[in-house]
Amino acid sequence: TDSFAPMTDTAPFAGVLPTVLPPPPPAAALAVSDSSLETPTWIYKDVRGREQGPFTAAQIQQWATFSYLPPSTLVRHVAAEQSAWVRLDVVPHLRGGGAAAQTVA
C-alpha cells in the first residue's frame, strides 16, 4: 500500500519542517469564551416594566458595554425571588466596560 510521507529532507523543506510535531496543549489551557455555551440566567425589566429574558450574563454585559441597557436597568437572576430586583450597575459581572466601552464613549 502507498502511504504518505512528508518530504522533510528535500528542498525547499529541508531543515524547516519538524520531523515530529509537538503534542497539543492541554485542554485546560484552552480558553472557552463562547457565550452560546452559557445558560441564560438573567432577566431585566425594560422601560415599560416588562420582564425580558432570560439572557446570558455575557449578553447583558455586552448590552451594558454599548449602553443598550442603562446602569439603572433592574435585573435579577432567574433563581432569585421575584422581589430581588437590583440595579444593573451593582452587579459587577454584568456591568460591562472594557475596551469596547472606551471606543463608544
N, C-alpha and C. Protein backbone atom coordinates (compact mmCIF):
# COMPACT_ATOMS: atom_id res chain seq x y z
N THR A 1 0.83 -1.18 0.00
CA THR A 1 0.00 0.00 0.00
C THR A 1 0.88 1.24 0.00
N ASP A 2 0.36 2.27 -0.61
CA ASP A 2 1.07 3.54 -0.61
C ASP A 2 0.72 4.30 0.65
N SER A 3 1.70 4.90 1.27
CA SER A 3 1.44 5.74 2.43
C SER A 3 2.09 7.08 2.21
N PHE A 4 1.50 8.07 2.81
CA PHE A 4 2.01 9.43 2.64
C PHE A 4 3.18 9.66 3.59
N ALA A 5 4.25 10.18 3.07
CA ALA A 5 5.40 10.54 3.90
C ALA A 5 5.82 11.94 3.49
N PRO A 6 5.74 12.92 4.41
CA PRO A 6 6.12 14.28 4.05
C PRO A 6 7.60 14.34 3.69
N MET A 7 7.90 15.20 2.75
CA MET A 7 9.28 15.33 2.28
C MET A 7 10.02 16.33 3.16
N THR A 8 10.40 15.91 4.35
CA THR A 8 11.05 16.82 5.29
C THR A 8 12.53 16.99 5.00
N ASP A 9 13.10 16.09 4.19
CA ASP A 9 14.54 16.17 3.95
C ASP A 9 14.88 16.60 2.53
N THR A 10 13.89 17.14 1.79
CA THR A 10 14.15 17.59 0.43
C THR A 10 13.88 19.09 0.33
N ALA A 11 14.53 19.74 -0.60
CA ALA A 11 14.33 21.17 -0.82
C ALA A 11 12.90 21.40 -1.27
N PRO A 12 12.20 22.42 -0.91
CA PRO A 12 12.59 23.54 -0.04
C PRO A 12 12.29 23.28 1.44
N PHE A 13 11.95 22.02 1.79
CA PHE A 13 11.51 21.73 3.16
C PHE A 13 12.64 21.30 4.09
N ALA A 14 13.81 21.03 3.57
CA ALA A 14 14.90 20.53 4.39
C ALA A 14 15.22 21.51 5.52
N GLY A 15 15.20 21.01 6.71
CA GLY A 15 15.53 21.81 7.88
C GLY A 15 14.45 22.76 8.34
N VAL A 16 13.32 22.82 7.63
CA VAL A 16 12.25 23.74 8.00
C VAL A 16 11.13 23.03 8.74
N LEU A 17 10.68 21.92 8.20
CA LEU A 17 9.59 21.18 8.82
C LEU A 17 10.13 20.26 9.89
N PRO A 18 9.48 20.24 11.05
CA PRO A 18 9.93 19.31 12.09
C PRO A 18 9.59 17.88 11.70
N THR A 19 10.40 16.95 12.12
CA THR A 19 10.11 15.55 11.81
C THR A 19 9.07 15.00 12.76
N VAL A 20 8.98 15.57 13.96
CA VAL A 20 7.99 15.14 14.93
C VAL A 20 7.25 16.39 15.42
N LEU A 21 5.93 16.36 15.36
CA LEU A 21 5.15 17.50 15.81
C LEU A 21 5.06 17.51 17.33
N PRO A 22 5.05 18.69 17.94
CA PRO A 22 4.90 18.75 19.40
C PRO A 22 3.49 18.32 19.80
N PRO A 23 3.32 17.87 21.04
CA PRO A 23 1.98 17.47 21.47
C PRO A 23 1.06 18.68 21.56
N PRO A 24 -0.25 18.48 21.43
CA PRO A 24 -1.18 19.60 21.54
C PRO A 24 -1.20 20.13 22.97
N PRO A 25 -1.60 21.39 23.16
CA PRO A 25 -1.67 21.93 24.52
C PRO A 25 -2.73 21.20 25.33
N PRO A 26 -2.59 21.19 26.64
CA PRO A 26 -3.62 20.53 27.46
C PRO A 26 -4.96 21.24 27.34
N ALA A 27 -6.02 20.50 27.48
CA ALA A 27 -7.37 21.07 27.31
C ALA A 27 -7.62 22.20 28.28
N ALA A 28 -7.07 22.16 29.48
CA ALA A 28 -7.29 23.20 30.48
C ALA A 28 -6.71 24.54 30.04
N ALA A 29 -5.72 24.51 29.16
CA ALA A 29 -5.09 25.74 28.72
C ALA A 29 -5.92 26.47 27.67
N LEU A 30 -6.89 25.80 27.10
CA LEU A 30 -7.72 26.42 26.07
C LEU A 30 -8.83 27.23 26.73
N ALA A 31 -8.94 28.48 26.39
CA ALA A 31 -9.98 29.34 26.97
C ALA A 31 -11.25 29.23 26.13
N VAL A 32 -12.35 29.00 26.79
CA VAL A 32 -13.65 28.93 26.12
C VAL A 32 -14.42 30.19 26.49
N SER A 33 -14.67 31.03 25.52
CA SER A 33 -15.41 32.26 25.79
C SER A 33 -16.69 32.34 24.96
N ASP A 34 -17.12 31.23 24.45
CA ASP A 34 -18.32 31.20 23.63
C ASP A 34 -19.56 31.31 24.52
N SER A 35 -20.24 32.45 24.43
CA SER A 35 -21.41 32.65 25.29
C SER A 35 -22.56 31.72 24.93
N SER A 36 -22.49 31.05 23.77
CA SER A 36 -23.55 30.11 23.43
C SER A 36 -23.51 28.88 24.34
N LEU A 37 -22.39 28.67 25.06
CA LEU A 37 -22.29 27.56 25.98
C LEU A 37 -22.86 27.91 27.36
N GLU A 38 -23.09 29.19 27.60
CA GLU A 38 -23.59 29.66 28.89
C GLU A 38 -25.11 29.51 28.95
N THR A 39 -25.62 29.12 30.11
CA THR A 39 -27.05 29.00 30.30
C THR A 39 -27.65 30.37 30.59
N PRO A 40 -28.69 30.77 29.87
CA PRO A 40 -29.33 32.07 30.15
C PRO A 40 -29.94 32.08 31.55
N THR A 41 -29.49 33.00 32.39
CA THR A 41 -29.95 33.02 33.78
C THR A 41 -30.32 34.41 34.29
N TRP A 42 -30.30 35.43 33.44
CA TRP A 42 -30.58 36.79 33.89
C TRP A 42 -31.79 37.38 33.18
N ILE A 43 -32.61 38.08 33.94
CA ILE A 43 -33.81 38.75 33.42
C ILE A 43 -33.65 40.24 33.72
N TYR A 44 -34.13 41.08 32.81
CA TYR A 44 -34.14 42.52 33.09
C TYR A 44 -35.54 43.07 32.83
N LYS A 45 -35.81 44.24 33.42
CA LYS A 45 -37.08 44.93 33.17
C LYS A 45 -36.83 46.03 32.15
N ASP A 46 -37.66 46.04 31.11
CA ASP A 46 -37.50 47.07 30.09
C ASP A 46 -38.11 48.39 30.58
N VAL A 47 -38.07 49.41 29.74
CA VAL A 47 -38.54 50.74 30.14
C VAL A 47 -40.04 50.76 30.46
N ARG A 48 -40.78 49.77 29.99
CA ARG A 48 -42.21 49.69 30.29
C ARG A 48 -42.50 48.80 31.50
N GLY A 49 -41.44 48.29 32.14
CA GLY A 49 -41.61 47.45 33.31
C GLY A 49 -41.87 45.99 33.02
N ARG A 50 -41.73 45.58 31.75
CA ARG A 50 -41.95 44.19 31.38
C ARG A 50 -40.66 43.40 31.54
N GLU A 51 -40.80 42.17 32.02
CA GLU A 51 -39.64 41.29 32.16
C GLU A 51 -39.18 40.81 30.78
N GLN A 52 -37.89 40.83 30.55
CA GLN A 52 -37.30 40.36 29.31
C GLN A 52 -36.24 39.32 29.65
N GLY A 53 -36.26 38.21 28.96
CA GLY A 53 -35.23 37.20 29.19
C GLY A 53 -35.82 35.83 29.41
N PRO A 54 -35.02 34.92 29.81
CA PRO A 54 -33.68 35.09 30.36
C PRO A 54 -32.60 35.22 29.27
N PHE A 55 -31.51 35.87 29.68
CA PHE A 55 -30.35 36.08 28.83
C PHE A 55 -29.10 35.63 29.57
N THR A 56 -28.03 35.42 28.83
CA THR A 56 -26.76 35.06 29.46
C THR A 56 -26.13 36.31 30.07
N ALA A 57 -25.25 36.10 31.02
CA ALA A 57 -24.50 37.21 31.61
C ALA A 57 -23.68 37.92 30.54
N ALA A 58 -23.13 37.16 29.59
CA ALA A 58 -22.34 37.76 28.51
C ALA A 58 -23.19 38.70 27.65
N GLN A 59 -24.44 38.32 27.38
CA GLN A 59 -25.32 39.18 26.59
C GLN A 59 -25.62 40.47 27.34
N ILE A 60 -25.98 40.34 28.62
CA ILE A 60 -26.30 41.52 29.43
C ILE A 60 -25.08 42.44 29.50
N GLN A 61 -23.92 41.84 29.73
CA GLN A 61 -22.68 42.63 29.83
C GLN A 61 -22.40 43.37 28.53
N GLN A 62 -22.58 42.70 27.41
CA GLN A 62 -22.33 43.34 26.11
C GLN A 62 -23.31 44.50 25.89
N TRP A 63 -24.58 44.31 26.21
CA TRP A 63 -25.55 45.38 26.04
C TRP A 63 -25.24 46.55 26.97
N ALA A 64 -24.76 46.26 28.17
CA ALA A 64 -24.38 47.33 29.10
C ALA A 64 -23.15 48.07 28.58
N THR A 65 -22.20 47.33 28.02
CA THR A 65 -20.99 47.95 27.48
C THR A 65 -21.32 48.96 26.39
N PHE A 66 -22.26 48.63 25.54
CA PHE A 66 -22.62 49.51 24.43
C PHE A 66 -23.81 50.42 24.76
N SER A 67 -24.14 50.51 26.05
CA SER A 67 -25.18 51.41 26.56
C SER A 67 -26.57 51.10 26.03
N TYR A 68 -26.80 49.87 25.60
CA TYR A 68 -28.16 49.47 25.22
C TYR A 68 -29.02 49.32 26.47
N LEU A 69 -28.38 48.94 27.58
CA LEU A 69 -29.05 48.86 28.87
C LEU A 69 -28.38 49.89 29.79
N PRO A 70 -29.13 50.88 30.26
CA PRO A 70 -28.53 51.87 31.16
C PRO A 70 -28.20 51.25 32.52
N PRO A 71 -27.29 51.87 33.28
CA PRO A 71 -26.91 51.35 34.59
C PRO A 71 -28.08 51.19 35.55
N SER A 72 -29.14 51.96 35.36
CA SER A 72 -30.30 51.89 36.26
C SER A 72 -31.27 50.76 35.93
N THR A 73 -30.99 49.99 34.88
CA THR A 73 -31.85 48.86 34.50
C THR A 73 -31.94 47.87 35.65
N LEU A 74 -33.15 47.42 35.95
CA LEU A 74 -33.35 46.43 37.01
C LEU A 74 -33.14 45.03 36.45
N VAL A 75 -32.34 44.23 37.16
CA VAL A 75 -32.05 42.86 36.75
C VAL A 75 -32.21 41.93 37.95
N ARG A 76 -32.41 40.65 37.64
CA ARG A 76 -32.39 39.64 38.69
C ARG A 76 -32.02 38.30 38.07
N HIS A 77 -31.45 37.46 38.90
CA HIS A 77 -31.10 36.10 38.49
C HIS A 77 -32.40 35.28 38.49
N VAL A 78 -32.52 34.34 37.58
CA VAL A 78 -33.76 33.55 37.49
C VAL A 78 -34.04 32.76 38.76
N ALA A 79 -33.01 32.44 39.53
CA ALA A 79 -33.20 31.69 40.76
C ALA A 79 -33.55 32.58 41.95
N ALA A 80 -33.47 33.90 41.76
CA ALA A 80 -33.75 34.83 42.85
C ALA A 80 -35.26 35.01 43.03
N GLU A 81 -35.62 35.48 44.19
CA GLU A 81 -37.03 35.78 44.47
C GLU A 81 -37.54 36.85 43.51
N GLN A 82 -38.81 36.86 43.25
CA GLN A 82 -39.43 37.83 42.35
C GLN A 82 -39.16 39.27 42.81
N SER A 83 -38.99 39.46 44.11
CA SER A 83 -38.77 40.82 44.63
C SER A 83 -37.29 41.18 44.71
N ALA A 84 -36.40 40.35 44.17
CA ALA A 84 -34.96 40.55 44.30
C ALA A 84 -34.35 41.35 43.15
N TRP A 85 -35.06 42.31 42.62
CA TRP A 85 -34.54 43.13 41.52
C TRP A 85 -33.48 44.08 42.06
N VAL A 86 -32.38 44.21 41.32
CA VAL A 86 -31.32 45.15 41.68
C VAL A 86 -30.92 45.91 40.43
N ARG A 87 -30.29 47.05 40.65
CA ARG A 87 -29.80 47.83 39.51
C ARG A 87 -28.64 47.11 38.83
N LEU A 88 -28.58 47.20 37.52
CA LEU A 88 -27.53 46.57 36.74
C LEU A 88 -26.14 47.01 37.21
N ASP A 89 -26.00 48.27 37.58
CA ASP A 89 -24.68 48.78 37.95
C ASP A 89 -24.15 48.28 39.30
N VAL A 90 -24.94 47.53 40.05
CA VAL A 90 -24.45 46.96 41.30
C VAL A 90 -24.08 45.49 41.18
N VAL A 91 -24.23 44.92 40.00
CA VAL A 91 -23.85 43.52 39.76
C VAL A 91 -22.55 43.54 38.96
N PRO A 92 -21.40 43.34 39.63
CA PRO A 92 -20.10 43.53 38.98
C PRO A 92 -19.91 42.79 37.66
N HIS A 93 -20.29 41.53 37.57
CA HIS A 93 -20.02 40.80 36.32
C HIS A 93 -21.04 41.06 35.22
N LEU A 94 -21.99 41.96 35.45
CA LEU A 94 -22.94 42.34 34.40
C LEU A 94 -22.72 43.76 33.90
N ARG A 95 -21.89 44.53 34.57
CA ARG A 95 -21.77 45.96 34.28
C ARG A 95 -21.22 46.31 32.90
N GLY A 96 -20.42 45.46 32.32
CA GLY A 96 -19.81 45.80 31.04
C GLY A 96 -18.58 46.64 31.27
N GLY A 97 -18.16 47.32 30.24
CA GLY A 97 -16.96 48.13 30.33
C GLY A 97 -15.89 47.57 29.42
N GLY A 98 -14.65 47.96 29.68
CA GLY A 98 -13.53 47.47 28.89
C GLY A 98 -13.30 48.28 27.65
N ALA A 99 -12.53 47.70 26.73
CA ALA A 99 -12.11 48.41 25.52
C ALA A 99 -13.28 48.84 24.65
N ALA A 100 -14.30 48.00 24.56
CA ALA A 100 -15.46 48.34 23.71
C ALA A 100 -16.13 49.59 24.23
N ALA A 101 -16.27 49.73 25.53
CA ALA A 101 -16.91 50.90 26.10
C ALA A 101 -16.09 52.15 25.82
N GLN A 102 -14.77 52.01 25.81
CA GLN A 102 -13.92 53.16 25.55
C GLN A 102 -14.04 53.63 24.11
N THR A 103 -14.27 52.71 23.18
CA THR A 103 -14.39 53.11 21.79
C THR A 103 -15.75 53.78 21.51
N VAL A 104 -16.76 53.44 22.31
CA VAL A 104 -18.09 54.02 22.11
C VAL A 104 -18.16 55.40 22.72
N ALA A 105 -17.48 55.60 23.84
CA ALA A 105 -17.58 56.85 24.59
C ALA A 105 -17.09 58.04 23.80
